[in-house]
Amino acid sequence: MIQLLSEHLQAIHNHAESTYPEECCGIIFGHLLGDDKTTVEVMPTENAWEPEAAIDFPGDVKEYSKRRRYAIAPLVMLQAQKQARERCLDIVGIYHSHPDYQAIPSEFDRMCAWQEYSYIIVSVENGEATQTNSWCLDDSHQFQAEALAVNS
């Protein structure tokens, strides 16, 4: 399960709506205790997706743009890891949006995901955040729905 404050969810939704019709992305900082994750902060990042740097995997379409793909720049991820360490926090997840599509992970999302992270996906329809789900990988590298608790 991943726990967020309502202000964290609102920040994610605001970011997703502000980048529409492109995908947004960001990093979730918090504490990890077994399978439970508690969010302390969300950090919006720039969508650094570039088709030229695309990962080559079967069935992918190299022409996909930021409307269907996201990437967090490696340097941003390294800086976030350093910040987390310095603040005695963990990176507990990544969030991104799906413009005009369901809040379910794509095959591309699965191929790029890391085992211990939560993946929060926000569906943004016509510029408005409509559905938010969280996912995590199981031991077979398949996404499973994860409980998302929002506290005031």
C-alpha atoms as a PDB file:
ATOM      1  CA  MET A   1       0.000   0.000   0.000  1.00  0.00           C
ATOM      2  CA  ILE A   2       1.069   3.578  -0.599  1.00  0.00           C
ATOM      3  CA  GLN A   3      -0.226   6.403   1.566  1.00  0.00           C
ATOM      4  CA  LEU A   4      -0.434  10.009   0.422  1.00  0.00           C
ATOM      5  CA  LEU A   5      -1.786  13.174   1.915  1.00  0.00           C
ATOM      6  CA  SER A   6      -4.553  14.830  -0.089  1.00  0.00           C
ATOM      7  CA  GLU A   7      -2.125  17.712  -0.835  1.00  0.00           C
ATOM      8  CA  HIS A   8       0.288  15.233  -2.484  1.00  0.00           C
ATOM      9  CA  LEU A   9      -2.481  13.832  -4.667  1.00  0.00           C
ATOM     10  CA  GLN A  10      -3.598  17.364  -5.547  1.00  0.00           C
ATOM     11  CA  ALA A  11      -0.015  18.293  -6.540  1.00  0.00           C
ATOM     12  CA  ILE A  12       0.156  15.221  -8.813  1.00  0.00           C
ATOM     13  CA  HIS A  13      -3.214  16.057 -10.381  1.00  0.00           C
ATOM     14  CA  ASN A  14      -2.216  19.723 -10.892  1.00  0.00           C
ATOM     15  CA  HIS A  15       1.014  18.645 -12.581  1.00  0.00           C
ATOM     16  CA  ALA A  16      -0.830  16.169 -14.817  1.00  0.00           C
ATOM     17  CA  GLU A  17      -3.418  18.747 -15.846  1.00  0.00           C
ATOM     18  CA  SER A  18      -0.800  21.453 -16.490  1.00  0.00           C
ATOM     19  CA  THR A  19       1.199  19.291 -18.906  1.00  0.00           C
ATOM     20  CA  TYR A  20      -1.821  17.920 -20.793  1.00  0.00           C
ATOM     21  CA  PRO A  21      -1.876  16.726 -23.578  1.00  0.00           C
ATOM     22  CA  GLU A  22       1.633  15.468 -22.797  1.00  0.00           C
ATOM     23  CA  GLU A  23       2.485  13.013 -20.052  1.00  0.00           C
ATOM     24  CA  CYS A  24       3.837  14.414 -16.813  1.00  0.00           C
ATOM     25  CA  CYS A  25       6.175  12.603 -14.445  1.00  0.00           C
ATOM     26  CA  GLY A  26       7.627  12.986 -11.007  1.00  0.00           C
ATOM     27  CA  ILE A  27       9.287  11.333  -8.051  1.00  0.00           C
ATOM     28  CA  ILE A  28       7.661  10.321  -4.769  1.00  0.00           C
ATOM     29  CA  PHE A  29       9.749  10.581  -1.582  1.00  0.00           C
ATOM     30  CA  GLY A  30       8.790   8.903   1.662  1.00  0.00           C
ATOM     31  CA  HIS A  31       9.397   6.011   3.985  1.00  0.00           C
ATOM     32  CA  LEU A  32       9.385   2.335   3.118  1.00  0.00           C
ATOM     33  CA  LEU A  33       8.370  -0.197   5.752  1.00  0.00           C
ATOM     34  CA  GLY A  34       7.976  -3.633   4.202  1.00  0.00           C
ATOM     35  CA  ASP A  35       5.306  -3.327   1.518  1.00  0.00           C
ATOM     36  CA  ASP A  36       3.915  -0.125   3.035  1.00  0.00           C
ATOM     37  CA  LYS A  37       5.026   3.229   1.702  1.00  0.00           C
ATOM     38  CA  THR A  38       4.256   6.587   3.290  1.00  0.00           C
ATOM     39  CA  THR A  39       4.646   9.674   1.119  1.00  0.00           C
ATOM     40  CA  VAL A  40       6.433  12.692   2.541  1.00  0.00           C
ATOM     41  CA  GLU A  41       6.858  14.746  -0.646  1.00  0.00           C
ATOM     42  CA  VAL A  42       6.186  14.642  -4.371  1.00  0.00           C
ATOM     43  CA  MET A  43       8.639  16.249  -6.747  1.00  0.00           C
ATOM     44  CA  PRO A  44       7.389  17.152 -10.226  1.00  0.00           C
ATOM     45  CA  THR A  45      10.040  16.634 -12.893  1.00  0.00           C
ATOM     46  CA  GLU A  46      10.281  17.578 -16.521  1.00  0.00           C
ATOM     47  CA  ASN A  47       9.284  14.917 -19.031  1.00  0.00           C
ATOM     48  CA  ALA A  48      12.675  14.337 -20.653  1.00  0.00           C
ATOM     49  CA  TRP A  49      11.414  11.819 -23.229  1.00  0.00           C
ATOM     50  CA  GLU A  50      13.277  11.958 -26.532  1.00  0.00           C
ATOM     51  CA  PRO A  51      12.418   9.465 -29.278  1.00  0.00           C
ATOM     52  CA  GLU A  52      16.084   9.377 -30.360  1.00  0.00           C
ATOM     53  CA  ALA A  53      17.056   7.957 -26.963  1.00  0.00           C
ATOM     54  CA  ALA A  54      14.210   5.452 -26.890  1.00  0.00           C
ATOM     55  CA  ILE A  55      14.743   2.028 -25.424  1.00  0.00           C
ATOM     56  CA  ASP A  56      14.571  -0.618 -28.094  1.00  0.00           C
ATOM     57  CA  PHE A  57      12.106  -3.349 -27.239  1.00  0.00           C
ATOM     58  CA  PRO A  58       9.800  -5.466 -29.407  1.00  0.00           C
ATOM     59  CA  GLY A  59       6.666  -3.713 -30.560  1.00  0.00           C
ATOM     60  CA  ASP A  60       7.695  -0.212 -29.495  1.00  0.00           C
ATOM     61  CA  VAL A  61       7.040   2.663 -31.833  1.00  0.00           C
ATOM     62  CA  LYS A  62      10.066   4.969 -31.990  1.00  0.00           C
ATOM     63  CA  GLU A  63       7.929   7.890 -33.128  1.00  0.00           C
ATOM     64  CA  TYR A  64       6.065   8.072 -29.826  1.00  0.00           C
ATOM     65  CA  SER A  65       6.181  11.549 -28.369  1.00  0.00           C
ATOM     66  CA  LYS A  66       5.707  12.973 -24.871  1.00  0.00           C
ATOM     67  CA  ARG A  67       1.986  12.439 -25.446  1.00  0.00           C
ATOM     68  CA  ARG A  68       2.532   8.684 -25.008  1.00  0.00           C
ATOM     69  CA  ARG A  69       5.881   8.355 -23.233  1.00  0.00           C
ATOM     70  CA  TYR A  70       7.718   9.846 -20.284  1.00  0.00           C
ATOM     71  CA  ALA A  71      11.248   9.765 -18.970  1.00  0.00           C
ATOM     72  CA  ILE A  72      12.942  11.254 -15.948  1.00  0.00           C
ATOM     73  CA  ALA A  73      16.415  12.467 -16.878  1.00  0.00           C
ATOM     74  CA  PRO A  74      19.141  10.273 -15.339  1.00  0.00           C
ATOM     75  CA  LEU A  75      20.834  13.284 -13.713  1.00  0.00           C
ATOM     76  CA  VAL A  76      17.534  14.321 -12.095  1.00  0.00           C
ATOM     77  CA  MET A  77      17.088  10.779 -10.767  1.00  0.00           C
ATOM     78  CA  LEU A  78      20.633  10.751  -9.357  1.00  0.00           C
ATOM     79  CA  GLN A  79      20.087  14.123  -7.686  1.00  0.00           C
ATOM     80  CA  ALA A  80      16.795  12.872  -6.216  1.00  0.00           C
ATOM     81  CA  GLN A  81      18.532   9.783  -4.828  1.00  0.00           C
ATOM     82  CA  LYS A  82      21.157  12.006  -3.218  1.00  0.00           C
ATOM     83  CA  GLN A  83      18.500  14.323  -1.749  1.00  0.00           C
ATOM     84  CA  ALA A  84      16.600  11.341  -0.362  1.00  0.00           C
ATOM     85  CA  ARG A  85      19.739   9.950   1.262  1.00  0.00           C
ATOM     86  CA  GLU A  86      20.638  13.315   2.803  1.00  0.00           C
ATOM     87  CA  ARG A  87      17.120  13.705   4.217  1.00  0.00           C
ATOM     88  CA  CYS A  88      16.857  10.097   5.484  1.00  0.00           C
ATOM     89  CA  LEU A  89      14.066   9.395   2.985  1.00  0.00           C
ATOM     90  CA  ASP A  90      13.509   6.778   0.327  1.00  0.00           C
ATOM     91  CA  ILE A  91      12.311   7.177  -3.216  1.00  0.00           C
ATOM     92  CA  VAL A  92       9.138   5.142  -2.866  1.00  0.00           C
ATOM     93  CA  GLY A  93       7.675   5.686  -6.292  1.00  0.00           C
ATOM     94  CA  ILE A  94       7.241   7.429  -9.594  1.00  0.00           C
ATOM     95  CA  TYR A  95       4.106   9.055 -10.929  1.00  0.00           C
ATOM     96  CA  HIS A  96       3.070   9.879 -14.446  1.00  0.00           C
ATOM     97  CA  SER A  97      -0.050  10.682 -16.418  1.00  0.00           C
ATOM     98  CA  HIS A  98      -1.879   9.043 -19.287  1.00  0.00           C
ATOM     99  CA  PRO A  99      -3.511  11.741 -21.428  1.00  0.00           C
ATOM    100  CA  ASP A 100      -6.909  10.583 -22.687  1.00  0.00           C
ATOM    101  CA  TYR A 101      -6.216   7.024 -21.601  1.00  0.00           C
ATOM    102  CA  GLN A 102      -6.926   4.810 -18.603  1.00  0.00           C
ATOM    103  CA  ALA A 103      -4.813   4.862 -15.434  1.00  0.00           C
ATOM    104  CA  ILE A 104      -3.396   1.414 -16.165  1.00  0.00           C
ATOM    105  CA  PRO A 105       0.238   0.638 -17.002  1.00  0.00           C
ATOM    106  CA  SER A 106       1.290   0.078 -20.579  1.00  0.00           C
ATOM    107  CA  GLU A 107       3.740  -2.598 -21.659  1.00  0.00           C
ATOM    108  CA  PHE A 108       6.333   0.157 -21.968  1.00  0.00           C
ATOM    109  CA  ASP A 109       5.633   1.194 -18.365  1.00  0.00           C
ATOM    110  CA  ARG A 110       6.179  -2.403 -17.267  1.00  0.00           C
ATOM    111  CA  MET A 111       9.415  -2.832 -19.188  1.00  0.00           C
ATOM    112  CA  CYS A 112      10.915   0.308 -17.617  1.00  0.00           C
ATOM    113  CA  ALA A 113       9.636  -0.185 -14.055  1.00  0.00           C
ATOM    114  CA  TRP A 114      11.763  -0.981 -11.000  1.00  0.00           C
ATOM    115  CA  GLN A 115      10.726  -3.648  -8.542  1.00  0.00           C
ATOM    116  CA  GLU A 116      10.430  -1.777  -5.229  1.00  0.00           C
ATOM    117  CA  TYR A 117       8.704   1.376  -6.488  1.00  0.00           C
ATOM    118  CA  SER A 118       5.034   2.282  -6.570  1.00  0.00           C
ATOM    119  CA  TYR A 119       3.847   3.603  -9.912  1.00  0.00           C
ATOM    120  CA  ILE A 120       0.994   6.073  -9.619  1.00  0.00           C
ATOM    121  CA  ILE A 121      -0.771   6.707 -12.921  1.00  0.00           C
ATOM    122  CA  VAL A 122      -3.269   9.520 -13.428  1.00  0.00           C
ATOM    123  CA  SER A 123      -5.733   9.451 -16.285  1.00  0.00           C
ATOM    124  CA  VAL A 124      -6.240  12.952 -17.695  1.00  0.00           C
ATOM    125  CA  GLU A 125      -9.249  13.308 -19.958  1.00  0.00           C
ATOM    126  CA  ASN A 126      -9.696  16.559 -21.858  1.00  0.00           C
ATOM    127  CA  GLY A 127      -7.296  18.282 -19.462  1.00  0.00           C
ATOM    128  CA  GLU A 128      -8.922  17.040 -16.238  1.00  0.00           C
ATOM    129  CA  ALA A 129      -7.513  14.381 -13.889  1.00  0.00           C
ATOM    130  CA  THR A 130     -10.220  11.732 -13.623  1.00  0.00           C
ATOM    131  CA  GLN A 131      -8.781   8.499 -12.236  1.00  0.00           C
ATOM    132  CA  THR A 132      -5.694   7.678 -10.189  1.00  0.00           C
ATOM    133  CA  ASN A 133      -4.337   4.183  -9.564  1.00  0.00           C
ATOM    134  CA  SER A 134      -1.174   2.778  -8.066  1.00  0.00           C
ATOM    135  CA  TRP A 135       0.701  -0.267  -9.289  1.00  0.00           C
ATOM    136  CA  CYS A 136       3.754  -2.251  -8.240  1.00  0.00           C
ATOM    137  CA  LEU A 137       5.691  -5.086  -9.810  1.00  0.00           C
ATOM    138  CA  ASP A 138       5.444  -8.622  -8.495  1.00  0.00           C
ATOM    139  CA  ASP A 139       8.259 -11.199  -8.517  1.00  0.00           C
ATOM    140  CA  SER A 140       7.426 -12.073 -12.143  1.00  0.00           C
ATOM    141  CA  HIS A 141       7.858  -8.424 -13.213  1.00  0.00           C
ATOM    142  CA  GLN A 142       4.105  -8.038 -13.781  1.00  0.00           C
ATOM    143  CA  PHE A 143       2.143  -5.057 -12.507  1.00  0.00           C
ATOM    144  CA  GLN A 144      -0.323  -5.662  -9.706  1.00  0.00           C
ATOM    145  CA  ALA A 145      -2.810  -3.112  -8.423  1.00  0.00           C
ATOM    146  CA  GLU A 146      -1.659  -1.505  -5.190  1.00  0.00           C
ATOM    147  CA  ALA A 147      -3.891   0.058  -2.563  1.00  0.00           C
ATOM    148  CA  LEU A 148      -3.704   3.856  -2.556  1.00  0.00           C
ATOM    149  CA  ALA A 149      -4.750   5.526   0.694  1.00  0.00           C
ATOM    150  CA  VAL A 150      -5.324   9.279   0.669  1.00  0.00           C
ATOM    151  CA  ASN A 151      -5.355  10.991   4.053  1.00  0.00           C
ATOM    152  CA  SER A 152      -6.261  14.584   4.846  1.00  0.00           C
END
